Every structure is written in structure tokens, then in C-alpha cells.
Amino acid sequence: MRSSTNGPSPGPDDKLPIKMLNDRVLVRVGQSEGERRTAGGILIPATAQISKRLSWADVVAVGPNVRTIESGDKVLFNPEDRYEVEVRGSDYVILRDRDIHAVASERLEEGSTGLYL
């Protein structure tokens, strides 16, 4: 418990370093969650429900127990299984390592097999 002599507890606006814990991954989702356009040019409004559509996001930070993901990678995840958080005025999503379905990174090219998207 904090004593009052240590000053006020830090608020969300304070510039404190953030470290992800355990198997957590902090990602930034692109602005493409609104309306989007198909490869054929059809405009799909943001209000259209598409069941079980996965989303791509950029990895910002990873916890010490995350196995194959590094900062700077792109990950594929289910947007229904997420926790949103605002950090220093920007919106992020916190995921668990096990909730990530795929990783896209240039470092994976060396001797690995997989799809090229």
C-alpha cells in the first residue's frame, strides 16, 4: 500500500515506461476496421457484419514469455477476443500469445516454410 509521503499515484497521463508481462502482446490495429474495399472494387460499409473475419495488427511490445513474436511483426488475430487500451492518447489492443493465429515478418524468410501473403 502506498503511503501519502510518496506523492500521488501515477495516472494514465504520466510518461511512465510500459513493460508487457507474461504471454501478453500489445498491438496497434490499422484504421481499416471501418469501411473497406474488396479486390474487385466493391465498397463494404463498416456496419456490415462479417462472421469470423480475422484482422491484422502491428506488434508494438511483447512480454517475456512470448515465443515466436517480436516487436515490428504483423499478427493475425480474432477481433472478438481482444482487450482495448488507450496509452498516451493512442488506442492499442492487448492479446495473449495463444490467441494469435499467424505471424508475418521478414525475419521468417530464412529457412522457414509457410505461406507468402
N, C-alpha and C. Protein backbone atom coordinates (compact mmCIF):
# COMPACT_ATOMS: atom_id res chain seq x y z
N MET A 1 0.84 -1.18 0.00
CA MET A 1 0.00 0.00 0.00
C MET A 1 0.88 1.23 0.00
N ARG A 2 0.54 2.23 -0.78
CA ARG A 2 1.33 3.46 -0.88
C ARG A 2 1.05 4.37 0.28
N SER A 3 2.08 5.01 0.75
CA SER A 3 1.88 5.99 1.80
C SER A 3 1.74 7.36 1.15
N SER A 4 1.13 8.28 1.84
CA SER A 4 0.89 9.60 1.27
C SER A 4 2.17 10.41 1.13
N THR A 5 3.28 9.99 1.77
CA THR A 5 4.53 10.72 1.65
C THR A 5 5.23 10.44 0.32
N ASN A 6 4.81 9.40 -0.39
CA ASN A 6 5.43 9.09 -1.68
C ASN A 6 4.82 9.91 -2.82
N GLY A 7 3.85 10.72 -2.55
CA GLY A 7 3.22 11.53 -3.58
C GLY A 7 2.04 10.80 -4.19
N PRO A 8 1.38 11.44 -5.14
CA PRO A 8 0.20 10.83 -5.76
C PRO A 8 0.59 9.64 -6.63
N SER A 9 -0.33 8.71 -6.75
CA SER A 9 -0.06 7.55 -7.60
C SER A 9 -0.09 8.01 -9.05
N PRO A 10 0.72 7.37 -9.91
CA PRO A 10 0.79 7.80 -11.30
C PRO A 10 -0.53 7.57 -12.02
N GLY A 11 -0.91 8.52 -12.83
CA GLY A 11 -2.13 8.42 -13.60
C GLY A 11 -1.84 8.00 -15.03
N PRO A 12 -2.86 7.83 -15.84
CA PRO A 12 -2.65 7.39 -17.21
C PRO A 12 -1.94 8.42 -18.09
N ASP A 13 -1.91 9.70 -17.66
CA ASP A 13 -1.26 10.73 -18.45
C ASP A 13 0.23 10.86 -18.17
N ASP A 14 0.73 10.22 -17.11
CA ASP A 14 2.15 10.30 -16.77
C ASP A 14 2.97 9.53 -17.79
N LYS A 15 4.18 10.00 -18.07
CA LYS A 15 5.07 9.36 -19.03
C LYS A 15 5.90 8.29 -18.33
N LEU A 16 5.29 7.12 -18.12
CA LEU A 16 5.97 6.00 -17.49
C LEU A 16 6.26 4.93 -18.52
N PRO A 17 7.39 4.23 -18.39
CA PRO A 17 7.66 3.13 -19.31
C PRO A 17 6.67 1.99 -19.08
N ILE A 18 6.34 1.28 -20.15
CA ILE A 18 5.40 0.18 -20.07
C ILE A 18 6.11 -1.10 -20.48
N LYS A 19 5.95 -2.14 -19.68
CA LYS A 19 6.54 -3.44 -19.98
C LYS A 19 5.41 -4.47 -19.97
N MET A 20 5.28 -5.22 -21.05
CA MET A 20 4.26 -6.25 -21.12
C MET A 20 4.71 -7.43 -20.26
N LEU A 21 3.75 -8.10 -19.64
CA LEU A 21 4.05 -9.20 -18.74
C LEU A 21 3.60 -10.53 -19.34
N ASN A 22 4.21 -11.60 -18.87
CA ASN A 22 3.85 -12.98 -19.21
C ASN A 22 3.77 -13.20 -20.72
N ASP A 23 2.62 -13.68 -21.19
CA ASP A 23 2.46 -14.01 -22.61
C ASP A 23 1.62 -12.98 -23.34
N ARG A 24 1.65 -11.73 -22.90
CA ARG A 24 0.83 -10.69 -23.49
C ARG A 24 1.56 -10.00 -24.65
N VAL A 25 0.77 -9.55 -25.64
CA VAL A 25 1.30 -8.86 -26.81
C VAL A 25 0.48 -7.58 -26.99
N LEU A 26 1.15 -6.45 -27.13
CA LEU A 26 0.50 -5.17 -27.36
C LEU A 26 0.59 -4.87 -28.85
N VAL A 27 -0.57 -4.65 -29.50
CA VAL A 27 -0.59 -4.42 -30.94
C VAL A 27 -1.36 -3.15 -31.26
N ARG A 28 -1.04 -2.58 -32.42
CA ARG A 28 -1.74 -1.41 -32.93
C ARG A 28 -2.51 -1.86 -34.17
N VAL A 29 -3.82 -1.73 -34.10
CA VAL A 29 -4.67 -2.14 -35.21
C VAL A 29 -4.76 -0.98 -36.19
N GLY A 30 -4.66 -1.30 -37.48
CA GLY A 30 -4.75 -0.28 -38.52
C GLY A 30 -6.12 0.35 -38.56
N GLN A 31 -6.25 1.40 -39.28
CA GLN A 31 -7.51 2.13 -39.38
C GLN A 31 -8.49 1.46 -40.34
N SER A 32 -8.18 0.26 -40.81
CA SER A 32 -9.02 -0.41 -41.81
C SER A 32 -10.23 -1.10 -41.21
N GLU A 33 -10.53 -0.87 -39.94
CA GLU A 33 -11.68 -1.52 -39.33
C GLU A 33 -12.99 -0.88 -39.75
N GLY A 34 -12.93 0.26 -40.40
CA GLY A 34 -14.13 0.91 -40.89
C GLY A 34 -14.55 0.30 -42.21
N GLU A 35 -14.99 1.15 -43.12
CA GLU A 35 -15.37 0.62 -44.42
C GLU A 35 -14.12 0.17 -45.17
N ARG A 36 -14.31 -0.80 -46.04
CA ARG A 36 -13.18 -1.33 -46.80
C ARG A 36 -13.63 -1.66 -48.20
N ARG A 37 -12.68 -1.86 -49.07
CA ARG A 37 -12.96 -2.14 -50.46
C ARG A 37 -12.36 -3.50 -50.83
N THR A 38 -13.14 -4.33 -51.52
CA THR A 38 -12.65 -5.64 -51.95
C THR A 38 -11.70 -5.48 -53.13
N ALA A 39 -11.02 -6.58 -53.50
CA ALA A 39 -10.11 -6.54 -54.64
C ALA A 39 -10.86 -6.23 -55.93
N GLY A 40 -12.14 -6.57 -56.00
CA GLY A 40 -12.95 -6.27 -57.17
C GLY A 40 -13.51 -4.86 -57.18
N GLY A 41 -13.28 -4.08 -56.13
CA GLY A 41 -13.71 -2.69 -56.07
C GLY A 41 -15.04 -2.45 -55.37
N ILE A 42 -15.61 -3.48 -54.76
CA ILE A 42 -16.89 -3.32 -54.06
C ILE A 42 -16.63 -2.71 -52.69
N LEU A 43 -17.37 -1.65 -52.35
CA LEU A 43 -17.23 -0.98 -51.07
C LEU A 43 -18.11 -1.67 -50.03
N ILE A 44 -17.50 -2.12 -48.93
CA ILE A 44 -18.23 -2.78 -47.84
C ILE A 44 -18.27 -1.80 -46.66
N PRO A 45 -19.47 -1.37 -46.24
CA PRO A 45 -19.56 -0.39 -45.14
C PRO A 45 -19.13 -1.01 -43.81
N ALA A 46 -18.76 -0.14 -42.88
CA ALA A 46 -18.31 -0.59 -41.55
C ALA A 46 -19.42 -1.29 -40.78
N THR A 47 -20.67 -1.01 -41.12
CA THR A 47 -21.78 -1.61 -40.39
C THR A 47 -22.09 -3.03 -40.85
N ALA A 48 -21.50 -3.49 -41.94
CA ALA A 48 -21.75 -4.84 -42.45
C ALA A 48 -21.11 -5.86 -41.50
N GLN A 49 -21.87 -6.88 -41.14
CA GLN A 49 -21.38 -7.93 -40.25
C GLN A 49 -20.77 -9.05 -41.08
N ILE A 50 -19.52 -9.34 -40.82
CA ILE A 50 -18.85 -10.45 -41.48
C ILE A 50 -18.43 -11.40 -40.37
N SER A 51 -19.00 -12.60 -40.38
CA SER A 51 -18.73 -13.51 -39.28
C SER A 51 -17.31 -14.07 -39.36
N LYS A 52 -16.68 -14.14 -38.24
CA LYS A 52 -15.37 -14.77 -38.08
C LYS A 52 -14.29 -14.23 -39.01
N ARG A 53 -14.27 -12.92 -39.23
CA ARG A 53 -13.22 -12.32 -40.04
C ARG A 53 -12.06 -11.94 -39.13
N LEU A 54 -10.86 -12.41 -39.45
CA LEU A 54 -9.67 -12.11 -38.67
C LEU A 54 -9.07 -10.78 -39.11
N SER A 55 -8.28 -10.15 -38.23
CA SER A 55 -7.66 -8.85 -38.51
C SER A 55 -6.16 -8.92 -38.35
N TRP A 56 -5.46 -8.06 -39.10
CA TRP A 56 -4.01 -7.91 -38.97
C TRP A 56 -3.70 -6.71 -38.08
N ALA A 57 -2.61 -6.79 -37.33
CA ALA A 57 -2.18 -5.68 -36.48
C ALA A 57 -0.66 -5.69 -36.38
N ASP A 58 -0.08 -4.53 -36.06
CA ASP A 58 1.37 -4.38 -35.89
C ASP A 58 1.73 -4.57 -34.43
N VAL A 59 2.73 -5.38 -34.15
CA VAL A 59 3.18 -5.64 -32.78
C VAL A 59 4.01 -4.46 -32.29
N VAL A 60 3.66 -3.94 -31.11
CA VAL A 60 4.36 -2.82 -30.51
C VAL A 60 5.29 -3.31 -29.40
N ALA A 61 4.80 -4.24 -28.56
CA ALA A 61 5.59 -4.75 -27.44
C ALA A 61 5.15 -6.18 -27.13
N VAL A 62 6.08 -6.97 -26.59
CA VAL A 62 5.78 -8.36 -26.22
C VAL A 62 6.28 -8.64 -24.81
N GLY A 63 5.61 -9.55 -24.14
CA GLY A 63 6.02 -9.97 -22.81
C GLY A 63 7.17 -10.98 -22.87
N PRO A 64 7.79 -11.28 -21.74
CA PRO A 64 8.96 -12.17 -21.72
C PRO A 64 8.66 -13.63 -22.07
N ASN A 65 7.43 -14.07 -21.95
CA ASN A 65 7.09 -15.46 -22.24
C ASN A 65 6.50 -15.67 -23.62
N VAL A 66 6.58 -14.67 -24.49
CA VAL A 66 6.08 -14.80 -25.86
C VAL A 66 7.17 -15.50 -26.67
N ARG A 67 6.79 -16.54 -27.40
CA ARG A 67 7.77 -17.42 -28.02
C ARG A 67 8.26 -16.95 -29.38
N THR A 68 7.39 -16.70 -30.34
CA THR A 68 7.83 -16.50 -31.72
C THR A 68 7.49 -15.13 -32.30
N ILE A 69 7.09 -14.21 -31.48
CA ILE A 69 6.67 -12.90 -31.96
C ILE A 69 7.61 -11.84 -31.41
N GLU A 70 7.96 -10.88 -32.27
CA GLU A 70 8.83 -9.78 -31.87
C GLU A 70 8.17 -8.46 -32.24
N SER A 71 8.63 -7.38 -31.63
CA SER A 71 8.14 -6.04 -31.99
C SER A 71 8.42 -5.80 -33.47
N GLY A 72 7.45 -5.21 -34.16
CA GLY A 72 7.59 -4.94 -35.58
C GLY A 72 6.93 -5.98 -36.47
N ASP A 73 6.58 -7.14 -35.94
CA ASP A 73 5.89 -8.17 -36.71
C ASP A 73 4.45 -7.77 -36.95
N LYS A 74 3.81 -8.42 -37.90
CA LYS A 74 2.37 -8.29 -38.11
C LYS A 74 1.75 -9.61 -37.67
N VAL A 75 0.63 -9.51 -36.94
CA VAL A 75 -0.03 -10.71 -36.44
C VAL A 75 -1.48 -10.74 -36.87
N LEU A 76 -2.00 -11.96 -37.02
CA LEU A 76 -3.39 -12.18 -37.40
C LEU A 76 -4.14 -12.68 -36.18
N PHE A 77 -5.26 -12.02 -35.84
CA PHE A 77 -5.99 -12.39 -34.63
C PHE A 77 -7.48 -12.20 -34.84
N ASN A 78 -8.27 -12.77 -33.95
CA ASN A 78 -9.72 -12.63 -33.98
C ASN A 78 -10.09 -11.36 -33.22
N PRO A 79 -10.70 -10.37 -33.87
CA PRO A 79 -11.01 -9.11 -33.19
C PRO A 79 -12.04 -9.23 -32.07
N GLU A 80 -12.73 -10.36 -31.98
CA GLU A 80 -13.69 -10.55 -30.89
C GLU A 80 -12.99 -10.95 -29.59
N ASP A 81 -11.77 -11.49 -29.67
CA ASP A 81 -11.01 -11.93 -28.49
C ASP A 81 -9.93 -10.91 -28.15
N ARG A 82 -10.32 -9.71 -27.76
CA ARG A 82 -9.31 -8.68 -27.51
C ARG A 82 -9.72 -7.77 -26.37
N TYR A 83 -8.71 -7.10 -25.83
CA TYR A 83 -8.91 -6.08 -24.80
C TYR A 83 -8.30 -4.79 -25.31
N GLU A 84 -9.10 -3.75 -25.39
CA GLU A 84 -8.60 -2.47 -25.88
C GLU A 84 -8.10 -1.62 -24.73
N VAL A 85 -7.06 -0.83 -25.01
CA VAL A 85 -6.49 0.05 -24.01
C VAL A 85 -5.98 1.31 -24.71
N GLU A 86 -6.06 2.43 -24.00
CA GLU A 86 -5.52 3.68 -24.51
C GLU A 86 -4.24 3.99 -23.76
N VAL A 87 -3.16 4.22 -24.49
CA VAL A 87 -1.86 4.54 -23.90
C VAL A 87 -1.36 5.81 -24.55
N ARG A 88 -1.18 6.85 -23.74
CA ARG A 88 -0.66 8.13 -24.20
C ARG A 88 -1.43 8.66 -25.40
N GLY A 89 -2.74 8.53 -25.37
CA GLY A 89 -3.60 9.08 -26.42
C GLY A 89 -3.77 8.20 -27.64
N SER A 90 -3.14 7.04 -27.69
CA SER A 90 -3.28 6.12 -28.83
C SER A 90 -3.99 4.86 -28.38
N ASP A 91 -4.79 4.27 -29.26
CA ASP A 91 -5.52 3.05 -28.94
C ASP A 91 -4.71 1.83 -29.35
N TYR A 92 -4.67 0.84 -28.46
CA TYR A 92 -3.96 -0.41 -28.69
C TYR A 92 -4.85 -1.57 -28.28
N VAL A 93 -4.43 -2.77 -28.63
CA VAL A 93 -5.13 -3.99 -28.25
C VAL A 93 -4.13 -4.90 -27.55
N ILE A 94 -4.57 -5.52 -26.45
CA ILE A 94 -3.74 -6.49 -25.73
C ILE A 94 -4.26 -7.88 -26.06
N LEU A 95 -3.35 -8.74 -26.52
CA LEU A 95 -3.68 -10.12 -26.88
C LEU A 95 -2.81 -11.07 -26.09
N ARG A 96 -3.22 -12.32 -26.02
CA ARG A 96 -2.38 -13.37 -25.47
C ARG A 96 -1.67 -14.05 -26.63
N ASP A 97 -0.50 -14.58 -26.37
CA ASP A 97 0.29 -15.28 -27.38
C ASP A 97 -0.54 -16.38 -28.04
N ARG A 98 -1.32 -17.10 -27.26
CA ARG A 98 -2.10 -18.22 -27.80
C ARG A 98 -3.28 -17.78 -28.65
N ASP A 99 -3.69 -16.51 -28.59
CA ASP A 99 -4.81 -16.01 -29.38
C ASP A 99 -4.39 -15.51 -30.76
N ILE A 100 -3.10 -15.58 -31.06
CA ILE A 100 -2.58 -15.11 -32.35
C ILE A 100 -2.51 -16.30 -33.30
N HIS A 101 -3.10 -16.14 -34.48
CA HIS A 101 -3.22 -17.24 -35.44
C HIS A 101 -2.05 -17.33 -36.41
N ALA A 102 -1.41 -16.20 -36.75
CA ALA A 102 -0.31 -16.20 -37.71
C ALA A 102 0.58 -14.99 -37.47
N VAL A 103 1.83 -15.10 -37.92
CA VAL A 103 2.81 -14.02 -37.82
C VAL A 103 3.38 -13.77 -39.20
N ALA A 104 3.49 -12.51 -39.60
CA ALA A 104 4.13 -12.12 -40.85
C ALA A 104 5.31 -11.23 -40.52
N SER A 105 6.50 -11.67 -40.97
CA SER A 105 7.71 -10.91 -40.67
C SER A 105 8.78 -11.26 -41.70
N GLU A 106 9.63 -10.30 -42.06
CA GLU A 106 10.72 -10.56 -43.00
C GLU A 106 11.73 -11.52 -42.41
N ARG A 107 11.90 -11.54 -41.10
CA ARG A 107 12.89 -12.43 -40.48
C ARG A 107 12.49 -13.90 -40.59
N LEU A 108 11.23 -14.19 -40.89
CA LEU A 108 10.76 -15.57 -41.00
C LEU A 108 11.15 -16.21 -42.33
N GLU A 109 11.66 -15.44 -43.30
CA GLU A 109 12.01 -15.96 -44.61
C GLU A 109 13.16 -16.96 -44.55
N GLU A 110 14.08 -16.80 -43.62
CA GLU A 110 15.29 -17.62 -43.57
C GLU A 110 14.97 -19.05 -43.14
N GLY A 111 14.93 -19.96 -44.09
CA GLY A 111 14.79 -21.38 -43.79
C GLY A 111 13.46 -21.81 -43.23
N SER A 112 12.45 -20.99 -43.30
CA SER A 112 11.15 -21.39 -42.76
C SER A 112 10.18 -21.67 -43.90
N THR A 113 9.22 -22.51 -43.61
CA THR A 113 8.19 -22.78 -44.61
C THR A 113 6.94 -22.05 -44.20
N GLY A 114 6.09 -21.77 -45.13
CA GLY A 114 4.84 -21.10 -44.81
C GLY A 114 4.27 -20.45 -46.05
N LEU A 115 3.23 -19.70 -45.86
CA LEU A 115 2.58 -19.00 -46.96
C LEU A 115 3.21 -17.65 -47.16
N TYR A 116 3.17 -17.17 -48.39
CA TYR A 116 3.66 -15.83 -48.69
C TYR A 116 2.45 -14.99 -49.05
N LEU A 117 2.05 -14.11 -48.15
CA LEU A 117 0.85 -13.31 -48.35
C LEU A 117 1.19 -11.95 -48.90
